[in-house]
Amino acid sequence: MEVRVGERLLCLAVLSSVFFADSVLGKYVKGIVNTKEDWVFLTRFCFLTDFGRLDFRFRYPKSRCCQNILLYFDDSSQWPAVYKRHEKNCYQKEAVLRPENNQVINLTTRYTWSGCVVEGDGDEEVLSCVGGRSFRSVRERWWYIALSKCGGEGLHLEYEMKLTNGQSFWTQHFSADEFGILETDITFLVIFSLVFVLSCYFAYNLKGRQLLHTTYKMFMTAAGVEVLSLLFHCIYWSLYARDGVGNGSLKLLGKLLFSVSFLVFLLMLILLGKGFTVTRARISHSGSVKLSIYMTVYTITYVILFIYEAEFFDPGEVLYAYDSPAGYGLMGLQLLAYVWFCYAVLVSLKRYPEKQPFYIPFFTAYTLWFFAVPVMALIANFGIPRWAREKIDPVKTVEETVARKGPEVPRNSEQKIITTAADLTAILPPPPIPPRPATRSPPLPPRLPSFTEYFSMQGGGGGGFGTKA
């Protein structure tokens, strides 16, 4: 039976898509908090050094006053010191912040900078707070937004937040760690479209000469599916750049198609290494069984990675897809595939030494290909700052490579956020300290320090608020 791996894997990937959903956080964030907890995490965003801005709208019953919005950054003394630290109570989590650096927004009319007013809502009065913050620091930083009311009866709040980086189409709705993704995807879409068109041209010529082999069809399948993957990614990121929400289904479909393209290409390399369509026209039954088992395990691991990323990644931590058990499993399978590839090429060369002109450059080039993914994944996990990880997709980048600032209008409810004394000295003079409210929320305490058939071979002839994304 002729190999139709691309079609079958595509069907498998599409069917598996029903098991998981996209987990990307939108830059328009909207929701309702109603909990008995006195401190909860809301969202995070990586702001640029000079262009970061948060616009917010909060509403809650006046009878539940007074609640605070807390702005933590990624310094070891801030967010890592409080998140998932169950030994710390609410007061201790607030104590790491410095109100003089405008990291606390007290949601009350007594705090001028919060932009809060009292509104009627039927028989109940509510506090409605509308305002903004500008962020300044010496480097891109992750900011984490939390809600608190220490010593109270819990939290109840409706919130809408818009988090932006400047006014440019290419940066506004993107977190700083996502910069360049859209441009890179567009570039590779153009390149791979040209590759696919050329492959179709050569396929037409090969078919006329009865030389259109299965492995070449697999290459065309991988290239064509990759073009579709990039197209969906470009559409998703373009929509996201426009409204900050995008369509998560498009991104998920793009990821699935990329996985299919990668798996088909990987299978093609192993088959070529074993000499299929180069030195022989069939693969043994045992070889087909081994390939079936391996590709099944690889596909299942990919599915597990998707599920793990969607369901188990904590939005309160900056995590990376390959910094997970499933990610390390994929890297291990990639290295196992390389060992198999080496063995297959060496056996083919031993039996058919006259094929050295083909196999030596083939083996050299794809040795780099096999190792690039695990190496880049390890570098991304351990050598790249967390705020730059989203744009570093080792599999996608390597596989694809081988085969202004607008005028800022002052607002009476706006403050600049300064992260450290060093930032303050390097960026701008201290902003004026707003008047202290006469009455505040409770004072803070002192700071505490049968698949076989699939692979049976036969010879061939040769701007505004929105919803959370």
Protein backbone atom coordinates (compact mmCIF):
# COMPACT_ATOMS: atom_id res chain seq x y z
CA MET A 1 0.00 0.00 0.00
CA GLU A 2 1.35 3.38 -0.91
CA VAL A 3 2.23 5.68 1.95
CA ARG A 4 -0.39 8.31 2.72
CA VAL A 5 1.06 9.44 6.01
CA GLY A 6 0.30 13.14 5.59
CA GLU A 7 -3.41 12.58 5.10
CA ARG A 8 -3.69 10.14 8.00
CA LEU A 9 -1.74 12.28 10.43
CA LEU A 10 -3.77 15.33 9.44
CA CYS A 11 -6.97 13.43 10.23
CA LEU A 12 -5.50 12.32 13.56
CA ALA A 13 -4.49 15.87 14.45
CA VAL A 14 -7.89 17.31 13.55
CA LEU A 15 -9.68 14.65 15.57
CA SER A 16 -7.41 15.28 18.54
CA SER A 17 -8.22 18.99 18.43
CA VAL A 18 -11.50 18.37 20.22
CA PHE A 19 -9.60 17.44 23.37
CA PHE A 20 -7.91 20.73 24.05
CA ALA A 21 -8.37 24.48 23.73
CA ASP A 22 -6.10 27.46 23.30
CA SER A 23 -4.86 29.08 26.50
CA VAL A 24 -3.45 32.34 25.22
CA LEU A 25 -4.29 35.29 27.38
CA GLY A 26 -5.78 38.26 25.54
CA LYS A 27 -4.54 41.80 26.03
CA TYR A 28 -8.11 42.83 26.62
CA VAL A 29 -8.99 41.19 29.90
CA LYS A 30 -12.52 41.11 31.25
CA GLY A 31 -14.08 39.12 34.04
CA ILE A 32 -15.75 38.95 37.44
CA VAL A 33 -14.09 38.00 40.71
CA ASN A 34 -16.32 36.60 43.44
CA THR A 35 -14.38 34.67 46.05
CA LYS A 36 -13.88 34.31 49.77
CA GLU A 37 -10.14 34.70 49.29
CA ASP A 38 -8.57 38.02 50.25
CA TRP A 39 -5.84 38.02 47.55
CA VAL A 40 -6.21 36.78 43.95
CA PHE A 41 -4.17 36.98 40.73
CA LEU A 42 -5.86 38.61 37.72
CA THR A 43 -3.48 38.74 34.75
CA ARG A 44 0.06 39.48 33.56
CA PHE A 45 1.72 41.39 30.71
CA CYS A 46 5.26 42.18 29.56
CA PHE A 47 5.60 45.95 29.09
CA LEU A 48 8.19 47.83 27.06
CA THR A 49 10.63 50.12 28.81
CA ASP A 50 8.89 53.36 27.78
CA PHE A 51 5.58 52.58 26.09
CA GLY A 52 3.76 50.28 28.51
CA ARG A 53 0.25 51.32 29.50
CA LEU A 54 -2.65 49.89 31.46
CA ASP A 55 -6.19 51.26 31.07
CA PHE A 56 -8.73 49.90 33.49
CA ARG A 57 -12.38 49.92 34.54
CA PHE A 58 -13.38 48.39 37.87
CA ARG A 59 -16.82 48.17 39.52
CA TYR A 60 -17.83 46.72 42.86
CA PRO A 61 -20.48 47.33 45.56
CA LYS A 62 -19.63 50.19 47.87
CA SER A 63 -20.56 47.94 50.77
CA ARG A 64 -17.54 45.75 49.87
CA CYS A 65 -15.10 48.66 50.10
CA CYS A 66 -12.19 48.98 50.08
CA GLN A 67 -10.35 46.76 47.60
CA ASN A 68 -6.88 47.27 46.15
CA ILE A 69 -5.28 46.62 42.77
CA LEU A 70 -1.68 45.49 43.28
CA LEU A 71 0.99 45.86 40.60
CA TYR A 72 3.95 43.49 41.03
CA PHE A 73 6.93 43.20 38.71
CA ASP A 74 9.28 40.29 38.02
CA ASP A 75 12.02 41.10 40.52
CA SER A 76 12.81 38.27 42.92
CA SER A 77 11.68 40.43 45.83
CA GLN A 78 8.26 41.03 44.29
CA TRP A 79 6.12 38.52 42.39
CA PRO A 80 8.26 35.39 43.01
CA ALA A 81 8.25 36.32 46.69
CA VAL A 82 4.45 36.20 47.00
CA TYR A 83 2.96 33.94 44.33
CA LYS A 84 2.16 30.43 45.56
CA ARG A 85 3.73 31.30 48.90
CA HIS A 86 1.00 29.85 51.05
CA GLU A 87 2.92 30.60 54.21
CA LYS A 88 2.37 34.32 53.59
CA ASN A 89 -0.88 36.03 54.41
CA CYS A 90 -2.49 38.90 52.54
CA TYR A 91 -0.75 41.61 54.56
CA GLN A 92 2.65 40.05 53.93
CA LYS A 93 1.93 39.85 50.20
CA GLU A 94 1.02 43.54 50.15
CA ALA A 95 4.04 44.47 52.22
CA VAL A 96 6.53 43.75 49.41
CA LEU A 97 5.02 46.62 47.39
CA ARG A 98 5.95 50.25 47.72
CA PRO A 99 2.94 52.57 47.56
CA GLU A 100 5.28 55.53 46.94
CA ASN A 101 6.16 53.89 43.61
CA ASN A 102 2.43 53.80 42.75
CA GLN A 103 2.20 50.02 42.84
CA VAL A 104 -1.00 50.07 44.89
CA ILE A 105 -4.29 51.41 43.52
CA ASN A 106 -6.74 51.88 46.36
CA LEU A 107 -10.19 51.59 44.76
CA THR A 108 -11.96 54.30 46.71
CA THR A 109 -13.05 57.89 46.11
CA ARG A 110 -10.57 59.02 48.77
CA TYR A 111 -7.67 57.95 46.57
CA THR A 112 -7.53 60.57 43.81
CA TRP A 113 -5.50 58.56 41.32
CA SER A 114 -7.93 55.63 41.23
CA GLY A 115 -10.55 57.62 39.29
CA CYS A 116 -13.35 56.18 41.43
CA VAL A 117 -16.84 57.68 41.68
CA VAL A 118 -19.99 56.47 43.40
CA GLU A 119 -22.79 55.39 41.05
CA GLY A 120 -26.29 54.11 41.67
CA ASP A 121 -27.15 50.59 40.56
CA GLY A 122 -30.76 49.97 41.54
CA ASP A 123 -31.00 49.97 45.30
CA GLU A 124 -27.24 49.58 45.73
CA GLU A 125 -24.40 52.03 45.37
CA VAL A 126 -21.34 50.89 43.47
CA LEU A 127 -17.83 52.24 43.11
CA SER A 128 -16.86 52.70 39.46
CA CYS A 129 -13.16 53.30 38.87
CA VAL A 130 -11.81 54.30 35.45
CA GLY A 131 -8.20 55.29 34.91
CA GLY A 132 -4.80 54.30 33.60
CA ARG A 133 -1.16 53.77 34.39
CA SER A 134 2.02 54.25 32.36
CA PHE A 135 4.95 51.95 33.04
CA ARG A 136 8.63 52.91 32.99
CA SER A 137 11.65 50.66 33.59
CA VAL A 138 15.21 50.11 32.32
CA ARG A 139 14.27 46.88 30.52
CA GLU A 140 11.21 44.94 29.44
CA ARG A 141 9.52 43.60 32.53
CA TRP A 142 6.74 41.21 33.34
CA TRP A 143 4.01 42.87 35.40
CA TYR A 144 1.48 40.91 37.43
CA ILE A 145 -1.84 42.37 38.51
CA ALA A 146 -3.56 41.12 41.65
CA LEU A 147 -6.60 42.10 43.72
CA SER A 148 -6.69 42.22 47.50
CA LYS A 149 -8.73 43.16 50.55
CA CYS A 150 -6.89 42.04 53.61
CA GLY A 151 -8.96 41.19 56.65
CA GLY A 152 -12.25 41.41 54.74
CA GLU A 153 -15.09 39.06 53.86
CA GLY A 154 -13.72 38.17 50.45
CA LEU A 155 -13.55 39.87 47.07
CA HIS A 156 -16.20 40.89 44.56
CA LEU A 157 -15.18 42.90 41.50
CA GLU A 158 -16.05 43.38 37.84
CA TYR A 159 -12.95 44.29 35.86
CA GLU A 160 -11.90 45.28 32.35
CA MET A 161 -8.28 45.97 31.49
CA LYS A 162 -6.53 46.97 28.30
CA LEU A 163 -2.76 46.39 28.29
CA THR A 164 -0.74 47.93 25.46
CA ASN A 165 2.79 48.72 24.28
CA GLY A 166 2.79 51.96 22.28
CA GLN A 167 0.53 52.76 19.35
CA SER A 168 2.19 50.85 16.49
CA PHE A 169 0.19 48.10 14.75
CA TRP A 170 3.16 45.76 15.29
CA THR A 171 3.47 46.37 19.04
CA GLN A 172 0.33 47.86 20.56
CA HIS A 173 -1.53 44.74 21.64
CA PHE A 174 1.53 42.52 21.90
CA SER A 175 3.29 41.71 25.11
CA ALA A 176 6.99 42.57 24.71
CA ASP A 177 7.91 38.87 24.67
CA GLU A 178 5.72 38.45 21.56
CA PHE A 179 7.33 41.15 19.42
CA GLY A 180 8.43 39.99 15.96
CA ILE A 181 6.22 36.90 15.83
CA LEU A 182 3.87 38.31 13.18
CA GLU A 183 6.71 39.64 11.02
CA THR A 184 8.57 36.32 11.26
CA ASP A 185 5.47 34.32 10.33
CA ILE A 186 4.80 36.55 7.32
CA THR A 187 8.41 36.13 6.13
CA PHE A 188 8.29 32.34 6.42
CA LEU A 189 4.86 32.26 4.76
CA VAL A 190 6.32 33.95 1.68
CA ILE A 191 9.38 31.64 1.68
CA PHE A 192 7.40 28.44 2.11
CA SER A 193 4.82 29.48 -0.46
CA LEU A 194 7.65 29.81 -2.98
CA VAL A 195 9.08 26.44 -1.89
CA PHE A 196 5.68 24.79 -2.31
CA VAL A 197 5.10 26.34 -5.75
CA LEU A 198 8.54 25.18 -6.90
CA SER A 199 7.92 21.69 -5.51
CA CYS A 200 4.67 21.51 -7.50
CA TYR A 201 6.54 22.54 -10.66
CA PHE A 202 9.18 19.85 -10.17
CA ALA A 203 6.49 17.30 -9.26
CA TYR A 204 4.80 17.97 -12.61
CA ASN A 205 8.10 17.31 -14.44
CA LEU A 206 8.83 14.20 -12.37
CA LYS A 207 5.39 12.77 -13.01
CA GLY A 208 5.92 13.10 -16.76
CA ARG A 209 9.12 11.06 -16.38
CA GLN A 210 7.49 8.46 -14.07
CA LEU A 211 9.80 9.54 -11.21
CA LEU A 212 7.31 11.04 -8.77
CA HIS A 213 8.20 8.90 -5.74
CA THR A 214 6.41 8.58 -2.42
CA THR A 215 9.09 10.45 -0.48
CA TYR A 216 8.76 13.46 -2.79
CA LYS A 217 4.99 13.40 -2.27
CA MET A 218 5.65 13.41 1.48
CA PHE A 219 7.91 16.42 1.07
CA MET A 220 5.19 18.24 -0.86
CA THR A 221 2.66 17.33 1.82
CA ALA A 222 4.89 18.67 4.57
CA ALA A 223 5.53 21.91 2.65
CA GLY A 224 1.86 22.42 1.77
CA VAL A 225 0.63 21.79 5.30
CA GLU A 226 3.32 24.15 6.60
CA VAL A 227 2.04 26.89 4.29
CA LEU A 228 -1.46 26.40 5.68
CA SER A 229 -0.09 26.47 9.23
CA LEU A 230 1.72 29.75 8.62
CA LEU A 231 -1.33 31.21 6.91
CA PHE A 232 -3.52 30.51 9.94
CA HIS A 233 -0.85 31.90 12.26
CA CYS A 234 -0.57 35.08 10.20
CA ILE A 235 -4.34 35.55 10.20
CA TYR A 236 -4.50 34.99 13.95
CA TRP A 237 -1.70 37.40 14.80
CA SER A 238 -3.03 40.02 12.35
CA LEU A 239 -6.43 39.91 14.01
CA TYR A 240 -4.73 40.04 17.39
CA ALA A 241 -2.67 43.05 16.36
CA ARG A 242 -5.87 44.82 15.36
CA ASP A 243 -8.07 44.17 18.38
CA GLY A 244 -5.96 42.51 21.07
CA VAL A 245 -8.23 39.47 21.14
CA GLY A 246 -7.84 37.50 17.91
CA ASN A 247 -9.38 34.08 17.34
CA GLY A 248 -7.86 31.33 19.44
CA SER A 249 -9.22 28.60 17.16
CA LEU A 250 -7.09 29.90 14.28
CA LYS A 251 -3.93 29.73 16.36
CA LEU A 252 -4.79 26.25 17.60
CA LEU A 253 -5.41 25.05 14.04
CA GLY A 254 -2.10 26.59 12.98
CA LYS A 255 -0.28 24.69 15.72
CA LEU A 256 -1.97 21.43 14.75
CA LEU A 257 -1.06 21.83 11.09
CA PHE A 258 2.53 22.65 12.00
CA SER A 259 2.72 19.47 14.09
CA VAL A 260 1.40 17.44 11.14
CA SER A 261 3.96 19.02 8.80
CA PHE A 262 6.77 18.30 11.25
CA LEU A 263 5.77 14.66 11.75
CA VAL A 264 5.43 14.00 8.01
CA PHE A 265 8.84 15.57 7.37
CA LEU A 266 10.44 13.57 10.19
CA LEU A 267 9.00 10.32 8.82
CA MET A 268 10.28 11.22 5.34
CA LEU A 269 13.82 11.66 6.69
CA ILE A 270 13.80 8.28 8.42
CA LEU A 271 12.48 6.58 5.28
CA LEU A 272 15.16 8.20 3.12
CA GLY A 273 17.77 7.16 5.67
CA LYS A 274 16.56 3.57 5.36
CA GLY A 275 16.99 3.88 1.58
CA PHE A 276 13.34 3.96 0.61
CA THR A 277 13.05 5.23 -3.03
CA VAL A 278 16.85 5.64 -3.02
CA THR A 279 18.19 2.08 -2.80
CA ARG A 280 15.01 0.02 -2.49
CA ALA A 281 11.32 0.21 -3.29
CA ARG A 282 9.89 -1.51 -0.19
CA ILE A 283 10.29 -1.40 3.57
CA SER A 284 10.28 -4.68 5.49
CA HIS A 285 7.27 -5.66 7.55
CA SER A 286 9.23 -5.31 10.82
CA GLY A 287 10.43 -1.88 9.72
CA SER A 288 6.87 -0.80 9.02
CA VAL A 289 5.77 -1.97 12.46
CA LYS A 290 8.59 -0.05 14.16
CA LEU A 291 7.77 3.10 12.20
CA SER A 292 4.09 2.75 13.08
CA ILE A 293 4.82 2.42 16.79
CA TYR A 294 7.30 5.29 16.81
CA MET A 295 5.09 7.73 14.92
CA THR A 296 2.12 6.81 17.09
CA VAL A 297 4.09 7.51 20.27
CA TYR A 298 5.41 10.77 18.81
CA THR A 299 1.92 11.91 17.84
CA ILE A 300 0.49 11.04 21.25
CA THR A 301 3.31 12.96 22.93
CA TYR A 302 2.51 15.99 20.78
CA VAL A 303 -1.13 15.78 21.85
CA ILE A 304 -0.07 15.52 25.49
CA LEU A 305 2.09 18.64 25.06
CA PHE A 306 -0.89 20.57 23.71
CA ILE A 307 -3.11 19.40 26.55
CA TYR A 308 -0.43 20.13 29.14
CA GLU A 309 0.09 23.64 27.80
CA ALA A 310 -3.62 24.38 27.63
CA GLU A 311 -4.71 22.87 30.93
CA PHE A 312 -1.78 22.84 33.33
CA PHE A 313 0.32 25.90 32.59
CA ASP A 314 -0.16 28.41 35.37
CA PRO A 315 -0.98 31.91 34.00
CA GLY A 316 0.66 33.37 37.08
CA GLU A 317 4.03 32.02 35.96
CA VAL A 318 5.95 32.65 32.74
CA LEU A 319 6.24 29.13 31.40
CA TYR A 320 7.51 27.77 28.13
CA ALA A 321 5.94 24.90 26.17
CA TYR A 322 9.14 22.84 26.18
CA ASP A 323 9.73 23.50 29.87
CA SER A 324 7.39 20.64 30.76
CA PRO A 325 7.48 16.82 30.99
CA ALA A 326 5.83 16.51 27.56
CA GLY A 327 8.33 18.99 26.11
CA TYR A 328 11.30 17.04 27.42
CA GLY A 329 9.63 13.87 26.13
CA LEU A 330 9.48 15.37 22.64
CA MET A 331 13.15 16.30 22.78
CA GLY A 332 13.98 12.74 23.86
CA LEU A 333 11.96 11.32 20.96
CA GLN A 334 13.76 13.71 18.61
CA LEU A 335 17.13 12.37 19.76
CA LEU A 336 15.85 8.78 19.50
CA ALA A 337 14.78 9.53 15.92
CA TYR A 338 18.30 10.80 15.23
CA VAL A 339 19.87 7.57 16.53
CA TRP A 340 17.53 5.62 14.26
CA PHE A 341 18.35 7.97 11.38
CA CYS A 342 22.12 7.47 11.89
CA TYR A 343 21.77 3.69 12.02
CA ALA A 344 19.62 3.66 8.88
CA VAL A 345 22.05 5.85 6.92
CA LEU A 346 25.09 3.81 7.99
CA VAL A 347 23.39 0.54 6.97
CA SER A 348 22.41 2.05 3.62
CA LEU A 349 25.98 3.26 3.00
CA LYS A 350 27.43 -0.12 3.99
CA ARG A 351 25.18 -1.94 1.53
CA TYR A 352 25.32 0.67 -1.24
CA PRO A 353 28.63 2.59 -0.99
CA GLU A 354 28.04 4.05 -4.46
CA LYS A 355 25.34 6.25 -2.85
CA GLN A 356 27.88 8.25 -0.82
CA PRO A 357 27.50 11.40 -2.99
CA PHE A 358 23.88 11.55 -1.86
CA TYR A 359 24.05 10.30 1.71
CA ILE A 360 27.06 12.24 3.03
CA PRO A 361 25.66 15.76 2.44
CA PHE A 362 22.18 14.50 3.34
CA PHE A 363 23.41 13.10 6.65
CA THR A 364 25.49 16.19 7.46
CA ALA A 365 22.70 18.68 6.83
CA TYR A 366 20.05 16.83 8.77
CA THR A 367 22.33 16.04 11.68
CA LEU A 368 22.24 19.78 12.30
CA TRP A 369 18.47 19.72 11.82
CA PHE A 370 17.96 16.98 14.39
CA PHE A 371 20.13 18.63 17.04
CA ALA A 372 18.97 22.20 16.48
CA VAL A 373 15.57 21.62 18.06
CA PRO A 374 16.72 20.11 21.40
CA VAL A 375 19.63 22.54 21.67
CA MET A 376 17.48 25.60 21.03
CA ALA A 377 14.81 24.31 23.39
CA LEU A 378 17.38 23.90 26.17
CA ILE A 379 18.80 27.36 25.46
CA ALA A 380 15.30 28.82 25.58
CA ASN A 381 14.58 27.03 28.86
CA PHE A 382 17.80 27.90 30.67
CA GLY A 383 19.59 30.70 28.81
CA ILE A 384 16.93 33.13 27.56
CA PRO A 385 15.20 35.61 29.87
CA ARG A 386 11.59 34.76 30.61
CA TRP A 387 10.32 37.97 29.03
CA ALA A 388 11.75 36.90 25.62
CA ARG A 389 10.66 33.26 25.55
CA GLU A 390 7.33 33.50 23.72
CA LYS A 391 8.98 34.64 20.49
CA ILE A 392 11.55 31.79 20.67
CA ASP A 393 9.80 28.72 19.28
CA PRO A 394 12.72 26.37 18.60
CA VAL A 395 10.84 23.76 16.60
CA LYS A 396 8.99 26.25 14.47
CA THR A 397 11.93 28.58 13.91
CA VAL A 398 14.49 25.88 13.16
CA GLU A 399 12.26 23.75 10.99
CA GLU A 400 11.19 26.73 8.95
CA THR A 401 14.76 27.94 8.59
CA VAL A 402 16.16 24.65 7.45
CA ALA A 403 13.68 23.05 4.95
CA ARG A 404 6.30 54.43 17.57
CA LYS A 405 5.52 55.88 20.06
CA GLY A 406 2.32 58.10 19.77
CA PRO A 407 1.65 61.32 21.73
CA GLU A 408 0.67 60.61 25.30
CA VAL A 409 -2.29 62.62 26.60
CA PRO A 410 -2.18 63.32 30.34
CA ARG A 411 -5.19 62.18 32.32
CA ASN A 412 -6.18 63.13 35.79
CA SER A 413 -6.30 59.49 36.82
CA GLU A 414 -2.92 58.51 35.38
CA GLN A 415 0.36 57.83 37.14
CA LYS A 416 3.76 56.58 36.07
CA ILE A 417 4.93 53.33 37.63
CA ILE A 418 8.59 53.18 38.65
CA THR A 419 10.04 49.78 39.41
CA THR A 420 13.28 50.45 41.28
CA ALA A 421 15.49 53.29 42.38
CA ALA A 422 17.83 52.48 39.50
CA ASP A 423 14.95 52.81 37.06
CA LEU A 424 13.98 56.11 38.63
CA THR A 425 17.45 57.57 38.20
CA ALA A 426 17.90 56.29 34.67
CA ILE A 427 14.51 57.17 33.23
CA LEU A 428 12.99 60.30 34.69
CA PRO A 429 12.66 62.36 37.84
CA PRO A 430 10.24 61.20 40.50
CA PRO A 431 6.58 61.88 39.73
CA PRO A 432 4.68 64.00 42.23
CA ILE A 433 3.24 61.97 45.07
CA PRO A 434 -0.58 62.20 45.10
CA PRO A 435 -2.31 63.34 48.27
CA ARG A 436 -2.76 60.62 50.82
CA PRO A 437 -6.40 59.67 51.41
CA ALA A 438 -7.83 60.53 54.75
CA THR A 439 -9.06 57.00 55.26
CA ARG A 440 -7.37 53.95 53.86
CA SER A 441 -7.88 50.23 53.90
CA PRO A 442 -6.43 48.42 56.94
CA PRO A 443 -2.82 49.51 57.46
CA LEU A 444 -0.08 47.18 56.32
CA PRO A 445 2.19 45.68 58.95
CA PRO A 446 5.95 46.29 58.76
CA ARG A 447 7.57 44.76 55.66
CA LEU A 448 8.47 41.14 56.25
CA PRO A 449 11.76 40.44 55.38
CA SER A 450 -3.55 -1.61 13.15
CA PHE A 451 -1.14 1.21 12.12
CA THR A 452 1.22 -1.25 10.30
CA GLU A 453 -0.77 -0.82 7.16
CA TYR A 454 -0.17 2.88 7.17
CA PHE A 455 3.53 2.40 6.58
CA SER A 456 3.60 -0.58 4.18
CA MET A 457 5.68 0.45 1.20
CA GLN A 458 5.29 -0.31 -2.49
CA GLY A 459 7.59 0.66 -5.28
CA GLY A 460 6.56 3.54 -7.46
CA GLY A 461 7.46 4.53 -10.93
CA GLY A 462 10.19 6.04 -9.87
CA GLY A 463 -9.23 50.11 20.72
CA GLY A 464 -11.90 49.71 23.44
CA PHE A 465 -12.66 46.96 25.90
CA GLY A 466 -13.43 43.46 24.76
CA THR A 467 -13.65 39.95 26.00
CA LYS A 468 -10.91 37.82 27.36
CA ALA A 469 -9.26 35.71 24.65
